[in-house]
Amino acid sequence: MGVMMESNELNISEVARRSGISHSSVEIHLGVLVEQGLLTEKRFNRIRIFKVNHSNPYTNAVGRFLSEWRAISSGSGQAVARAFS
């Protein structure tokens, strides 16, 4: 979901390339995110384009979580303080 939040709209191959995860694993994960309403899918023959569904309120919550996670992972002391306060 992090790759999708950064780019907003990608196909499966591009998500796999950017994330370093296999095409088949990405396809499964994107399918689950579509089922949950976090992403939408457009089909152009064999090409499937996935887009972040900003109308779903959970999408923004996931985006905030990922931002905080990255801040904590990068060692930002302020983010750690906010996360545990």
C-alpha atoms as a PDB file:
ATOM      1  CA  MET A   1       0.000   0.000   0.000  1.00  0.00           C
ATOM      2  CA  GLY A   2       2.955   2.285   0.641  1.00  0.00           C
ATOM      3  CA  VAL A   3       4.037   2.183  -3.011  1.00  0.00           C
ATOM      4  CA  MET A   4       0.488   2.913  -4.076  1.00  0.00           C
ATOM      5  CA  MET A   5       0.139   5.838  -1.652  1.00  0.00           C
ATOM      6  CA  GLU A   6       3.330   7.384  -3.048  1.00  0.00           C
ATOM      7  CA  SER A   7       2.257   7.120  -6.686  1.00  0.00           C
ATOM      8  CA  ASN A   8      -1.545   7.003  -6.503  1.00  0.00           C
ATOM      9  CA  GLU A   9      -1.941   4.911  -9.704  1.00  0.00           C
ATOM     10  CA  LEU A  10       0.168   1.990 -10.979  1.00  0.00           C
ATOM     11  CA  ASN A  11      -0.052  -1.340 -12.759  1.00  0.00           C
ATOM     12  CA  ILE A  12       0.922  -4.634 -11.115  1.00  0.00           C
ATOM     13  CA  SER A  13       4.345  -4.837 -12.790  1.00  0.00           C
ATOM     14  CA  GLU A  14       5.322  -1.367 -11.614  1.00  0.00           C
ATOM     15  CA  VAL A  15       4.210  -2.086  -8.029  1.00  0.00           C
ATOM     16  CA  ALA A  16       6.257  -5.308  -8.120  1.00  0.00           C
ATOM     17  CA  ARG A  17       9.308  -3.486  -9.479  1.00  0.00           C
ATOM     18  CA  ARG A  18       9.158  -0.664  -6.934  1.00  0.00           C
ATOM     19  CA  SER A  19       8.446  -2.909  -3.964  1.00  0.00           C
ATOM     20  CA  GLY A  20      10.758  -5.793  -4.842  1.00  0.00           C
ATOM     21  CA  ILE A  21       7.913  -8.278  -4.346  1.00  0.00           C
ATOM     22  CA  SER A  22       7.014 -10.945  -6.902  1.00  0.00           C
ATOM     23  CA  HIS A  23       4.331 -10.197  -9.484  1.00  0.00           C
ATOM     24  CA  SER A  24       2.067 -12.979  -8.196  1.00  0.00           C
ATOM     25  CA  SER A  25       2.315 -11.779  -4.571  1.00  0.00           C
ATOM     26  CA  VAL A  26       1.597  -8.192  -5.594  1.00  0.00           C
ATOM     27  CA  GLU A  27      -1.413  -9.349  -7.613  1.00  0.00           C
ATOM     28  CA  ILE A  28      -2.843 -11.133  -4.557  1.00  0.00           C
ATOM     29  CA  HIS A  29      -2.225  -8.180  -2.230  1.00  0.00           C
ATOM     30  CA  LEU A  30      -3.716  -5.664  -4.648  1.00  0.00           C
ATOM     31  CA  GLY A  31      -6.768  -7.888  -5.036  1.00  0.00           C
ATOM     32  CA  VAL A  32      -7.319  -7.840  -1.272  1.00  0.00           C
ATOM     33  CA  LEU A  33      -6.938  -4.048  -1.170  1.00  0.00           C
ATOM     34  CA  VAL A  34      -9.533  -3.747  -3.962  1.00  0.00           C
ATOM     35  CA  GLU A  35     -11.895  -6.062  -2.055  1.00  0.00           C
ATOM     36  CA  GLN A  36     -11.505  -3.875   1.038  1.00  0.00           C
ATOM     37  CA  GLY A  37     -12.180  -0.723  -0.982  1.00  0.00           C
ATOM     38  CA  LEU A  38      -8.767   0.882  -0.457  1.00  0.00           C
ATOM     39  CA  LEU A  39      -7.939   0.663  -4.174  1.00  0.00           C
ATOM     40  CA  THR A  40      -9.961   0.735  -7.371  1.00  0.00           C
ATOM     41  CA  GLU A  41      -9.103  -1.193 -10.511  1.00  0.00           C
ATOM     42  CA  LYS A  42      -9.391  -0.262 -14.175  1.00  0.00           C
ATOM     43  CA  ARG A  43      -8.855  -2.785 -16.949  1.00  0.00           C
ATOM     44  CA  PHE A  44      -7.539  -2.043 -20.412  1.00  0.00           C
ATOM     45  CA  ASN A  45      -7.584  -5.468 -22.084  1.00  0.00           C
ATOM     46  CA  ARG A  46      -4.816  -7.350 -20.235  1.00  0.00           C
ATOM     47  CA  ILE A  47      -3.463  -4.308 -18.406  1.00  0.00           C
ATOM     48  CA  ARG A  48      -4.855  -3.654 -14.941  1.00  0.00           C
ATOM     49  CA  ILE A  49      -4.332  -0.233 -13.385  1.00  0.00           C
ATOM     50  CA  PHE A  50      -4.825   0.195  -9.645  1.00  0.00           C
ATOM     51  CA  LYS A  51      -5.610   3.552  -8.083  1.00  0.00           C
ATOM     52  CA  VAL A  52      -5.808   4.675  -4.459  1.00  0.00           C
ATOM     53  CA  ASN A  53      -9.452   5.162  -3.440  1.00  0.00           C
ATOM     54  CA  HIS A  54      -9.303   8.458  -1.551  1.00  0.00           C
ATOM     55  CA  SER A  55     -13.064   8.422  -1.015  1.00  0.00           C
ATOM     56  CA  ASN A  56     -12.657   5.540   1.457  1.00  0.00           C
ATOM     57  CA  PRO A  57     -12.005   7.000   4.949  1.00  0.00           C
ATOM     58  CA  TYR A  58      -9.778   4.050   5.830  1.00  0.00           C
ATOM     59  CA  THR A  59      -7.395   5.006   3.025  1.00  0.00           C
ATOM     60  CA  ASN A  60      -6.423   8.215   4.820  1.00  0.00           C
ATOM     61  CA  ALA A  61      -5.979   6.293   8.074  1.00  0.00           C
ATOM     62  CA  VAL A  62      -3.652   3.835   6.344  1.00  0.00           C
ATOM     63  CA  GLY A  63      -1.741   6.749   4.794  1.00  0.00           C
ATOM     64  CA  ARG A  64      -1.249   8.375   8.200  1.00  0.00           C
ATOM     65  CA  PHE A  65      -0.133   5.053   9.682  1.00  0.00           C
ATOM     66  CA  LEU A  66       2.420   4.530   6.898  1.00  0.00           C
ATOM     67  CA  SER A  67       3.765   8.067   7.354  1.00  0.00           C
ATOM     68  CA  GLU A  68       4.212   7.524  11.079  1.00  0.00           C
ATOM     69  CA  TRP A  69       5.761   4.111  10.503  1.00  0.00           C
ATOM     70  CA  ARG A  70       8.326   5.569   8.100  1.00  0.00           C
ATOM     71  CA  ALA A  71       9.138   8.358  10.544  1.00  0.00           C
ATOM     72  CA  ILE A  72       9.628   5.883  13.386  1.00  0.00           C
ATOM     73  CA  SER A  73      11.655   3.543  11.192  1.00  0.00           C
ATOM     74  CA  SER A  74      13.949   6.367  10.118  1.00  0.00           C
ATOM     75  CA  GLY A  75      14.774   7.081  13.764  1.00  0.00           C
ATOM     76  CA  SER A  76      12.917  10.347  14.171  1.00  0.00           C
ATOM     77  CA  GLY A  77      12.711  10.953  17.912  1.00  0.00           C
ATOM     78  CA  GLN A  78       9.699  13.258  17.618  1.00  0.00           C
ATOM     79  CA  ALA A  79       7.731  10.634  15.724  1.00  0.00           C
ATOM     80  CA  VAL A  80       8.512   8.049  18.394  1.00  0.00           C
ATOM     81  CA  ALA A  81       7.371  10.454  21.103  1.00  0.00           C
ATOM     82  CA  ARG A  82       4.102  11.150  19.242  1.00  0.00           C
ATOM     83  CA  ALA A  83       3.493   7.459  18.602  1.00  0.00           C
ATOM     84  CA  PHE A  84       3.804   6.538  22.255  1.00  0.00           C
ATOM     85  CA  SER A  85       2.236   9.584  23.891  1.00  0.00           C
END
